[in-house]
Amino acid sequence: MHPIRMTIRAQIMIAFIVTFAFMAGIIAVNYGYIRRLSRSMQLFEVAGELNSTLLEMRRYEKNYFLYRQEFNYEENVTYTNRLAMILQREKEALVEAIGRENYGKALKYVEEYSTKMIQLREASCEVGECAPLESLIRGIGHNLLLLADEFLATERRDIDRLLVQMTPLPLIGFLMLVLLSGFVLFFIGEKVIRPLARITRESEAVAQGAFQRITPYGDAKNEIHHLVSAINRMMEELEKRQEQLIQSRKIASIGTLTAGIAHEINNPVNNISLILESLVEDGDAMDTDERRGLYQEAMDQADRTSEIVKNLLEFSRASHPRLEDVDPSEVVEKTGRLLRNEMELRKIRFTKEIQPGLPKIRMDKDGLQQVLLNLFMNAIQAMESDGELKARVGMSDTPGEIRIDVVDTGPGIPPEIIEQIFDPFFTTKKEGVGTGLGLSVSYNIIKKNGGRIELESQPGQGARFSIFLPLTGAPFNGE
């Protein structure tokens, strides 16, 4: 059988209903004991009243036996009538407490006692004649007192028993409430707080650009499961938008490169044209080695053109991020070649400082090239002409990281805008020159690959962007 699946809201409601039912049960038990104790206290008061009435009745009885005063007889009759009234008034309670048989005996004793007292009053009671009657009255009064004492003792025992039973109830109720509250808190913590904390933690990684799916939590009816599914769908959409943004940035970069690329392609094409023209006009007069040399030169120029177009197509092609072992110096070299003509046109010197024996890094190669292209283009546009662009690749001071520095000799970045430099759509370029997305995209790409970007700059002293990336794999021994 499949387990019953419920929403968290339903589970929490059930937990609170169980808590409420438990508390209601504890209250009901306590109320029952209090009712029974109150009843026993009432019966104890009745027993005390009976006992005290009997004692007063017996006291005036004794006085009447000794002094034969009419006052003592009248008081005895008053307390005898009171005793009869109490027996009639509390019939149900007395029958419940001492039993119907003993209750009948008590009524019989009261009636006999009253009759015998009347006989004693009417008797002449010469010397020794009333002694048997007095003895009989004493016996009846003693029997009544025994019944009253038994009633009083019974109620006292019931009260003591109830108090003993009630004593641990508050402690038991408190302990059970603590356990139930602990269970409810644990349930809420496990079902709500802990999953939300995990979602918050993993969502912070998403905010930094690491679009990693959050593991679904609970069954399909669970609200947390629905929330995680919604966040995962949102991340998928964000990742798609990120890829589209990167691709649009590539297209914008291609537009900037078009003039330089066209000029660079035009040179080898012109050379090929001149070579072919020479072969057409003077080919018959050339010896074999000279013609072979011109053919080779034409092939080299064609290969150069093909390489330019290939690099441009590779860069512009949309691709999904793919982790692979990457030689960072190779990516720096390739990006520099892509911008070589742009730097020549602006008379910008490009230099590289690459530490030998660097290990490879595991990341998205196209993403790293996009980041370097953005940084190189920003540096070129900032310097405009007669500047120097330097790329340094080496180990970071932090163990397990490779550091790539992109340094320019441009005007630098004012301190007041450094905090905003990686914000989307923030740019210091002239209108129509930049979109303000290059550094934001670069920041997210590096974050997504587990690294970080730092910026150091002073006005008038250029800027240095430092990329820190975690490394994996064996050392790379080539240039």
Protein backbone atom coordinates (compact mmCIF):
# COMPACT_ATOMS: atom_id res chain seq x y z
CA MET A 1 0.00 0.00 0.00
CA HIS A 2 1.18 3.48 -0.81
CA PRO A 3 1.52 5.87 2.15
CA ILE A 4 -1.07 8.64 2.39
CA ARG A 5 0.45 11.88 1.09
CA MET A 6 -0.59 15.16 2.63
CA THR A 7 0.40 18.76 2.22
CA ILE A 8 2.52 20.42 4.87
CA ARG A 9 -0.43 22.62 5.77
CA ALA A 10 -2.56 19.52 6.42
CA GLN A 11 0.25 17.90 8.43
CA ILE A 12 0.69 21.02 10.56
CA MET A 13 -3.07 21.23 11.12
CA ILE A 14 -3.13 17.57 12.19
CA ALA A 15 -0.21 18.19 14.56
CA PHE A 16 -2.02 21.12 16.18
CA ILE A 17 -5.30 19.19 16.31
CA VAL A 18 -3.51 16.34 18.09
CA THR A 19 -1.97 18.87 20.49
CA PHE A 20 -5.38 20.44 21.10
CA ALA A 21 -6.99 17.01 21.62
CA PHE A 22 -4.26 16.05 24.07
CA MET A 23 -4.69 19.28 26.01
CA ALA A 24 -8.46 18.81 25.99
CA GLY A 25 -7.96 15.28 27.30
CA ILE A 26 -5.69 16.49 30.11
CA ILE A 27 -8.21 19.21 31.00
CA ALA A 28 -11.08 16.68 30.95
CA VAL A 29 -9.20 14.28 33.25
CA ASN A 30 -8.33 17.09 35.64
CA TYR A 31 -11.89 18.37 35.55
CA GLY A 32 -13.19 14.87 36.33
CA TYR A 33 -10.88 14.54 39.31
CA ILE A 34 -11.81 18.03 40.53
CA ARG A 35 -15.51 17.17 40.28
CA ARG A 36 -14.97 13.96 42.23
CA LEU A 37 -12.87 15.77 44.82
CA SER A 38 -15.50 18.48 45.16
CA ARG A 39 -18.18 15.82 45.66
CA SER A 40 -16.04 14.03 48.24
CA MET A 41 -15.44 17.31 50.06
CA GLN A 42 -19.19 17.94 50.15
CA LEU A 43 -19.80 14.45 51.53
CA PHE A 44 -17.00 14.97 54.03
CA GLU A 45 -18.76 18.12 55.21
CA VAL A 46 -22.02 16.15 55.52
CA ALA A 47 -20.20 13.46 57.49
CA GLY A 48 -18.71 16.12 59.73
CA GLU A 49 -22.12 17.70 60.25
CA LEU A 50 -23.63 14.31 61.13
CA ASN A 51 -20.81 13.56 63.50
CA SER A 52 -21.00 16.90 65.27
CA THR A 53 -24.84 16.68 65.52
CA LEU A 54 -24.54 13.19 67.03
CA LEU A 55 -21.96 14.36 69.53
CA GLU A 56 -24.20 17.23 70.65
CA MET A 57 -27.18 14.87 70.84
CA ARG A 58 -25.18 12.45 72.98
CA ARG A 59 -23.90 15.25 75.21
CA TYR A 60 -27.39 16.45 76.08
CA GLU A 61 -28.43 12.80 76.43
CA LYS A 62 -25.76 12.28 79.06
CA ASN A 63 -26.69 15.48 80.88
CA TYR A 64 -30.35 14.45 80.92
CA PHE A 65 -29.44 11.04 82.34
CA LEU A 66 -27.49 12.73 85.14
CA TYR A 67 -29.68 15.72 86.02
CA ARG A 68 -33.09 15.02 84.53
CA GLN A 69 -33.38 18.65 83.42
CA GLU A 70 -36.06 19.51 80.87
CA PHE A 71 -33.63 21.83 79.05
CA ASN A 72 -31.24 18.97 78.34
CA TYR A 73 -34.11 16.83 77.02
CA GLU A 74 -35.33 19.60 74.71
CA GLU A 75 -31.84 20.18 73.31
CA ASN A 76 -31.46 16.44 72.81
CA VAL A 77 -34.75 16.37 70.88
CA THR A 78 -33.61 19.38 68.79
CA TYR A 79 -30.38 17.64 67.73
CA THR A 80 -32.25 14.35 67.18
CA ASN A 81 -34.63 16.11 64.77
CA ARG A 82 -31.68 17.81 63.06
CA LEU A 83 -30.04 14.41 62.63
CA ALA A 84 -33.22 13.02 61.06
CA MET A 85 -33.44 16.04 58.76
CA ILE A 86 -29.80 15.60 57.60
CA LEU A 87 -30.45 11.92 56.90
CA GLN A 88 -33.47 12.79 54.78
CA ARG A 89 -31.75 15.71 53.01
CA GLU A 90 -28.59 13.81 52.11
CA LYS A 91 -30.25 10.50 51.33
CA GLU A 92 -28.63 9.99 47.89
CA ALA A 93 -25.16 10.93 49.10
CA LEU A 94 -25.44 8.72 52.19
CA VAL A 95 -26.77 5.75 50.23
CA GLU A 96 -23.83 6.17 47.77
CA ALA A 97 -21.30 6.51 50.60
CA ILE A 98 -22.41 3.95 53.27
CA GLY A 99 -24.81 1.81 51.27
CA ARG A 100 -28.57 1.47 51.37
CA GLU A 101 -28.51 -1.11 54.19
CA ASN A 102 -26.49 1.08 56.55
CA TYR A 103 -28.64 4.06 55.60
CA GLY A 104 -31.76 2.10 56.56
CA LYS A 105 -30.11 1.15 59.84
CA ALA A 106 -29.34 4.82 60.54
CA LEU A 107 -33.00 5.82 60.02
CA LYS A 108 -34.13 2.94 62.20
CA TYR A 109 -31.69 3.87 64.95
CA VAL A 110 -32.83 7.53 64.91
CA GLU A 111 -36.48 6.49 65.15
CA GLU A 112 -35.78 4.04 67.98
CA TYR A 113 -33.61 6.56 69.75
CA SER A 114 -36.37 9.21 69.64
CA THR A 115 -38.99 6.68 70.85
CA LYS A 116 -36.84 5.49 73.75
CA MET A 117 -36.05 9.08 74.83
CA ILE A 118 -39.79 9.81 74.98
CA GLN A 119 -40.32 6.64 77.06
CA LEU A 120 -37.51 7.67 79.39
CA ARG A 121 -39.01 11.13 79.90
CA GLU A 122 -42.42 9.67 80.70
CA ALA A 123 -41.05 7.02 83.09
CA SER A 124 -41.06 7.68 86.87
CA CYS A 125 -37.48 6.35 87.07
CA GLU A 126 -37.42 5.40 90.67
CA VAL A 127 -34.15 4.00 91.93
CA GLY A 128 -32.81 1.50 89.42
CA GLU A 129 -35.98 1.33 87.27
CA CYS A 130 -34.66 3.43 84.26
CA ALA A 131 -31.20 1.87 84.05
CA PRO A 132 -32.10 -0.74 81.36
CA LEU A 133 -33.81 1.92 79.23
CA GLU A 134 -30.83 4.29 79.54
CA SER A 135 -28.50 1.46 78.57
CA LEU A 136 -30.59 0.75 75.49
CA ILE A 137 -30.55 4.47 74.49
CA ARG A 138 -26.77 4.57 74.93
CA GLY A 139 -26.42 1.52 72.67
CA ILE A 140 -28.56 3.06 69.93
CA GLY A 141 -26.60 6.35 70.14
CA HIS A 142 -23.34 4.42 70.01
CA ASN A 143 -24.47 2.57 66.88
CA LEU A 144 -25.40 5.86 65.23
CA LEU A 145 -22.00 7.30 66.14
CA LEU A 146 -20.26 4.24 64.66
CA LEU A 147 -22.12 4.71 61.39
CA ALA A 148 -21.22 8.44 61.33
CA ASP A 149 -17.57 7.69 62.07
CA GLU A 150 -17.50 5.08 59.32
CA PHE A 151 -19.05 7.63 56.91
CA LEU A 152 -16.49 10.26 57.92
CA ALA A 153 -13.56 7.83 57.63
CA THR A 154 -14.78 6.63 54.22
CA GLU A 155 -14.95 10.16 52.84
CA ARG A 156 -11.56 11.03 54.31
CA ARG A 157 -10.04 7.99 52.60
CA ASP A 158 -11.71 8.94 49.29
CA ILE A 159 -10.32 12.48 49.54
CA ASP A 160 -6.83 11.19 50.34
CA ARG A 161 -7.00 8.71 47.45
CA LEU A 162 -8.12 11.40 45.01
CA LEU A 163 -5.38 13.77 46.17
CA VAL A 164 -2.78 11.03 45.71
CA GLN A 165 -4.10 10.34 42.20
CA MET A 166 -4.21 14.03 41.30
CA THR A 167 -0.73 14.90 42.59
CA PRO A 168 1.25 13.60 39.57
CA LEU A 169 -1.28 14.84 36.98
CA PRO A 170 0.24 18.35 36.56
CA LEU A 171 3.73 16.87 36.18
CA ILE A 172 2.52 14.20 33.74
CA GLY A 173 0.60 16.82 31.77
CA PHE A 174 3.63 19.10 31.69
CA LEU A 175 5.97 16.31 30.55
CA MET A 176 3.54 15.15 27.87
CA LEU A 177 3.07 18.73 26.71
CA VAL A 178 6.85 19.19 26.51
CA LEU A 179 7.20 15.98 24.48
CA LEU A 180 4.34 16.90 22.18
CA SER A 181 5.65 20.45 21.75
CA GLY A 182 9.09 19.03 20.98
CA PHE A 183 7.55 16.75 18.39
CA VAL A 184 5.63 19.65 16.81
CA LEU A 185 8.76 21.84 16.77
CA PHE A 186 10.82 18.98 15.31
CA PHE A 187 8.13 18.35 12.71
CA ILE A 188 7.98 22.02 11.71
CA GLY A 189 11.78 22.22 11.69
CA GLU A 190 12.16 19.13 9.49
CA LYS A 191 9.21 19.79 7.19
CA VAL A 192 9.39 23.57 6.87
CA ILE A 193 12.38 25.39 8.38
CA ARG A 194 15.16 23.02 7.28
CA PRO A 195 13.95 22.72 3.64
CA LEU A 196 13.47 26.50 3.46
CA ALA A 197 16.97 27.05 4.86
CA ARG A 198 18.38 24.70 2.21
CA ILE A 199 16.39 26.45 -0.52
CA THR A 200 17.67 29.82 0.75
CA ARG A 201 21.25 28.57 0.77
CA GLU A 202 21.06 27.09 -2.72
CA SER A 203 19.16 30.12 -4.03
CA GLU A 204 22.04 32.34 -2.88
CA ALA A 205 24.30 30.28 -5.14
CA VAL A 206 21.83 30.89 -7.97
CA ALA A 207 22.02 34.62 -7.24
CA GLN A 208 25.78 34.37 -7.74
CA GLY A 209 25.27 32.84 -11.19
CA ALA A 210 25.60 29.10 -10.37
CA PHE A 211 22.42 27.72 -11.97
CA GLN A 212 22.36 24.39 -10.16
CA ARG A 213 19.05 22.60 -9.76
CA ILE A 214 17.77 22.26 -6.22
CA THR A 215 17.02 18.68 -5.24
CA PRO A 216 13.21 18.23 -4.95
CA TYR A 217 12.02 17.74 -1.39
CA GLY A 218 9.08 15.60 -0.24
CA ASP A 219 6.24 14.16 -2.27
CA ALA A 220 4.39 15.82 -5.11
CA LYS A 221 1.68 17.27 -2.82
CA ASN A 222 4.22 18.98 -0.58
CA GLU A 223 4.29 22.80 -0.80
CA ILE A 224 8.09 22.76 -0.46
CA HIS A 225 8.23 20.38 -3.43
CA HIS A 226 6.11 22.81 -5.46
CA LEU A 227 8.36 25.70 -4.39
CA VAL A 228 11.53 23.82 -5.39
CA SER A 229 9.97 22.88 -8.74
CA ALA A 230 9.05 26.51 -9.36
CA ILE A 231 12.58 27.68 -8.47
CA ASN A 232 14.09 25.02 -10.74
CA ARG A 233 11.87 26.16 -13.61
CA MET A 234 12.90 29.74 -12.90
CA MET A 235 16.59 28.72 -12.97
CA GLU A 236 16.11 26.95 -16.30
CA GLU A 237 14.60 30.13 -17.73
CA LEU A 238 17.36 32.27 -16.21
CA GLU A 239 20.01 29.97 -17.65
CA LYS A 240 18.41 30.24 -21.08
CA ARG A 241 18.30 34.02 -20.76
CA GLN A 242 21.94 34.00 -19.63
CA GLU A 243 22.95 32.01 -22.71
CA GLN A 244 20.96 34.38 -24.90
CA LEU A 245 22.65 37.34 -23.21
CA ILE A 246 26.09 35.85 -23.77
CA GLN A 247 25.24 35.15 -27.39
CA SER A 248 23.95 38.70 -27.92
CA ARG A 249 27.16 40.00 -26.36
CA LYS A 250 29.15 37.88 -28.78
CA ILE A 251 27.22 39.33 -31.69
CA ALA A 252 27.86 42.84 -30.39
CA SER A 253 31.57 42.04 -30.11
CA ILE A 254 31.57 40.70 -33.67
CA GLY A 255 30.12 43.99 -34.82
CA THR A 256 33.03 45.81 -33.19
CA LEU A 257 35.49 43.41 -34.81
CA THR A 258 33.99 43.58 -38.30
CA ALA A 259 36.13 46.45 -39.58
CA GLY A 260 39.39 44.91 -38.40
CA ILE A 261 38.47 41.41 -39.58
CA ALA A 262 37.48 42.72 -43.02
CA HIS A 263 40.81 44.54 -43.29
CA GLU A 264 42.72 41.44 -42.16
CA ILE A 265 40.90 39.19 -44.66
CA ASN A 266 41.40 41.73 -47.43
CA ASN A 267 45.21 41.58 -47.12
CA PRO A 268 45.63 37.85 -47.85
CA VAL A 269 42.96 38.01 -50.57
CA ASN A 270 44.87 40.86 -52.28
CA ASN A 271 48.08 38.88 -51.96
CA ILE A 272 46.46 35.83 -53.56
CA SER A 273 45.13 38.03 -56.36
CA LEU A 274 48.62 39.49 -57.01
CA ILE A 275 50.19 36.03 -57.00
CA LEU A 276 47.65 34.69 -59.48
CA GLU A 277 48.13 37.76 -61.68
CA SER A 278 51.91 37.17 -61.70
CA LEU A 279 51.40 33.52 -62.60
CA VAL A 280 49.06 34.41 -65.44
CA GLU A 281 51.37 37.04 -66.93
CA ASP A 282 54.85 35.64 -66.24
CA GLY A 283 54.20 32.01 -65.33
CA ASP A 284 55.66 30.62 -68.55
CA ALA A 285 58.91 32.48 -68.01
CA MET A 286 59.34 31.25 -64.41
CA ASP A 287 61.24 28.17 -63.49
CA THR A 288 59.62 25.35 -61.53
CA ASP A 289 60.94 26.40 -58.08
CA GLU A 290 59.76 29.99 -58.53
CA ARG A 291 56.27 28.88 -59.57
CA ARG A 292 56.14 26.39 -56.66
CA GLY A 293 57.07 29.20 -54.26
CA LEU A 294 54.26 31.40 -55.55
CA TYR A 295 51.80 28.50 -55.27
CA GLN A 296 52.90 27.89 -51.66
CA GLU A 297 52.56 31.59 -50.84
CA ALA A 298 49.03 31.60 -52.26
CA MET A 299 48.17 28.54 -50.17
CA ASP A 300 49.57 30.16 -47.03
CA GLN A 301 47.50 33.28 -47.63
CA ALA A 302 44.40 31.12 -48.19
CA ASP A 303 45.12 29.22 -44.94
CA ARG A 304 45.47 32.54 -43.14
CA THR A 305 42.07 33.67 -44.44
CA SER A 306 40.51 30.35 -43.49
CA GLU A 307 41.94 30.59 -39.96
CA ILE A 308 40.53 34.11 -39.51
CA VAL A 309 37.05 33.00 -40.64
CA LYS A 310 37.25 29.84 -38.51
CA ASN A 311 38.09 31.79 -35.34
CA LEU A 312 35.27 34.20 -36.02
CA LEU A 313 32.74 31.41 -36.60
CA GLU A 314 33.84 29.50 -33.49
CA PHE A 315 33.40 32.58 -31.38
CA SER A 316 30.01 33.57 -32.81
CA ARG A 317 28.52 30.07 -32.66
CA ALA A 318 25.97 29.54 -29.83
CA SER A 319 27.03 26.68 -27.57
CA HIS A 320 25.91 25.25 -24.25
CA PRO A 321 28.44 25.44 -21.41
CA ARG A 322 30.59 22.32 -21.39
CA LEU A 323 33.18 21.52 -18.72
CA GLU A 324 36.55 20.42 -20.08
CA ASP A 325 40.23 20.63 -19.17
CA VAL A 326 41.37 24.03 -20.43
CA ASP A 327 44.86 25.48 -20.87
CA PRO A 328 44.32 29.15 -19.84
CA SER A 329 47.44 30.34 -21.71
CA GLU A 330 46.07 28.86 -24.94
CA VAL A 331 42.75 30.71 -24.46
CA VAL A 332 44.65 33.96 -23.79
CA GLU A 333 46.74 33.44 -26.94
CA LYS A 334 43.67 32.61 -29.06
CA THR A 335 41.73 35.66 -27.80
CA GLY A 336 44.74 37.88 -28.49
CA ARG A 337 44.93 36.61 -32.09
CA LEU A 338 41.24 37.33 -32.56
CA LEU A 339 41.81 40.97 -31.60
CA ARG A 340 45.24 41.36 -33.16
CA ASN A 341 44.11 43.51 -36.06
CA GLU A 342 41.97 45.70 -33.79
CA MET A 343 45.01 46.36 -31.60
CA GLU A 344 47.22 47.05 -34.65
CA LEU A 345 44.74 49.60 -35.95
CA ARG A 346 44.76 51.39 -32.57
CA LYS A 347 48.57 50.99 -32.15
CA ILE A 348 48.16 49.05 -28.91
CA ARG A 349 50.94 46.71 -27.81
CA PHE A 350 49.86 43.30 -26.58
CA THR A 351 52.21 41.36 -24.28
CA LYS A 352 51.85 38.08 -22.41
CA GLU A 353 53.50 36.77 -19.23
CA ILE A 354 52.70 33.08 -18.83
CA GLN A 355 54.17 31.02 -16.01
CA PRO A 356 55.53 27.73 -17.38
CA GLY A 357 54.24 24.36 -16.19
CA LEU A 358 50.76 25.56 -15.29
CA PRO A 359 48.08 22.91 -14.62
CA LYS A 360 44.88 22.89 -16.59
CA ILE A 361 41.63 24.21 -15.19
CA ARG A 362 38.28 22.49 -15.57
CA MET A 363 35.66 24.90 -16.86
CA ASP A 364 33.69 26.11 -19.87
CA LYS A 365 36.32 27.03 -22.45
CA ASP A 366 34.00 29.20 -24.57
CA GLY A 367 32.90 31.03 -21.42
CA LEU A 368 36.49 31.84 -20.48
CA GLN A 369 37.17 33.12 -24.01
CA GLN A 370 34.05 35.29 -23.82
CA VAL A 371 35.25 36.77 -20.49
CA LEU A 372 38.74 37.49 -21.85
CA LEU A 373 37.32 39.00 -25.03
CA ASN A 374 35.10 41.32 -22.96
CA LEU A 375 38.04 42.40 -20.78
CA PHE A 376 40.38 42.86 -23.77
CA MET A 377 37.78 44.87 -25.71
CA ASN A 378 37.06 47.07 -22.68
CA ALA A 379 40.79 47.72 -22.24
CA ILE A 380 41.26 48.51 -25.97
CA GLN A 381 38.32 50.89 -26.02
CA ALA A 382 39.50 52.56 -22.78
CA MET A 383 43.04 53.17 -24.11
CA GLU A 384 41.89 54.25 -27.62
CA SER A 385 45.49 54.39 -29.01
CA ASP A 386 49.19 54.08 -28.10
CA GLY A 387 48.56 51.95 -25.06
CA GLU A 388 49.70 48.59 -23.71
CA LEU A 389 47.54 45.59 -22.95
CA LYS A 390 49.17 42.93 -20.82
CA ALA A 391 47.86 39.45 -19.96
CA ARG A 392 49.52 37.54 -17.11
CA VAL A 393 48.73 33.90 -16.33
CA GLY A 394 50.15 32.17 -13.26
CA MET A 395 49.41 30.51 -9.93
CA SER A 396 47.48 32.51 -7.36
CA ASP A 397 48.73 33.16 -3.83
CA THR A 398 45.72 31.15 -2.69
CA PRO A 399 46.47 27.41 -3.03
CA GLY A 400 44.50 25.57 -5.70
CA GLU A 401 43.81 28.60 -7.90
CA ILE A 402 45.08 29.99 -11.20
CA ARG A 403 45.16 33.74 -11.65
CA ILE A 404 44.71 35.61 -14.94
CA ASP A 405 45.44 39.35 -14.90
CA VAL A 406 44.31 41.71 -17.67
CA VAL A 407 46.19 45.02 -17.25
CA ASP A 408 45.82 48.15 -19.35
CA THR A 409 47.38 51.63 -19.36
CA GLY A 410 44.09 53.45 -19.83
CA PRO A 411 42.63 56.30 -17.76
CA GLY A 412 41.58 54.01 -14.90
CA ILE A 413 38.25 53.78 -13.08
CA PRO A 414 37.10 56.35 -10.50
CA PRO A 415 36.77 54.88 -6.96
CA GLU A 416 33.15 55.99 -6.61
CA ILE A 417 31.95 53.68 -9.43
CA ILE A 418 34.11 50.60 -8.77
CA GLU A 419 31.31 49.04 -6.67
CA GLN A 420 28.92 49.40 -9.65
CA ILE A 421 31.25 48.22 -12.38
CA PHE A 422 29.79 44.67 -12.49
CA ASP A 423 26.15 45.79 -12.35
CA PRO A 424 24.06 45.00 -15.46
CA PHE A 425 23.71 47.91 -17.93
CA PHE A 426 26.19 50.07 -16.04
CA THR A 427 28.69 51.63 -18.47
CA THR A 428 31.06 54.59 -18.64
CA LYS A 429 31.29 54.46 -22.44
CA LYS A 430 29.65 56.90 -24.80
CA GLU A 431 26.10 56.21 -25.90
CA GLY A 432 26.03 53.64 -28.70
CA VAL A 433 29.50 52.28 -27.87
CA GLY A 434 28.67 49.88 -25.06
CA THR A 435 25.62 48.15 -23.55
CA GLY A 436 26.88 47.81 -19.99
CA LEU A 437 26.46 44.03 -20.09
CA GLY A 438 30.00 42.83 -20.82
CA LEU A 439 31.37 42.90 -17.26
CA SER A 440 28.09 41.67 -15.77
CA VAL A 441 28.08 38.68 -18.12
CA SER A 442 31.76 38.04 -17.41
CA TYR A 443 31.17 38.18 -13.66
CA ASN A 444 28.36 35.60 -13.88
CA ILE A 445 30.35 33.26 -16.16
CA ILE A 446 33.30 33.19 -13.74
CA LYS A 447 30.98 32.74 -10.73
CA LYS A 448 29.22 29.90 -12.49
CA ASN A 449 32.58 28.17 -12.97
CA GLY A 450 33.44 28.51 -9.27
CA GLY A 451 35.78 31.51 -9.55
CA ARG A 452 35.75 35.24 -8.89
CA ILE A 453 36.79 38.53 -10.50
CA GLU A 454 38.53 41.37 -8.68
CA LEU A 455 39.31 44.88 -9.88
CA GLU A 456 42.13 47.25 -8.92
CA SER A 457 42.30 50.70 -10.44
CA GLN A 458 43.39 54.24 -9.75
CA PRO A 459 42.42 57.23 -11.89
CA GLY A 460 45.15 57.90 -14.48
CA GLN A 461 47.00 54.65 -13.69
CA GLY A 462 45.07 52.09 -15.73
CA ALA A 463 43.08 49.11 -14.46
CA ARG A 464 43.78 45.50 -13.57
CA PHE A 465 41.08 42.85 -13.71
CA SER A 466 42.10 39.62 -11.93
CA ILE A 467 40.34 36.32 -12.61
CA PHE A 468 40.74 33.56 -10.00
CA LEU A 469 39.74 30.05 -11.09
CA PRO A 470 39.96 26.70 -9.24
CA LEU A 471 42.22 24.18 -10.99
CA THR A 472 42.02 20.43 -11.52
CA GLY A 473 43.95 17.84 -13.44
CA ALA A 474 47.66 17.17 -14.06
CA PRO A 475 50.21 19.95 -14.75
CA PHE A 476 50.27 21.20 -18.32
CA ASN A 477 53.80 21.20 -19.65
CA GLY A 478 53.35 23.00 -22.94
CA GLU A 479 53.24 26.61 -24.00
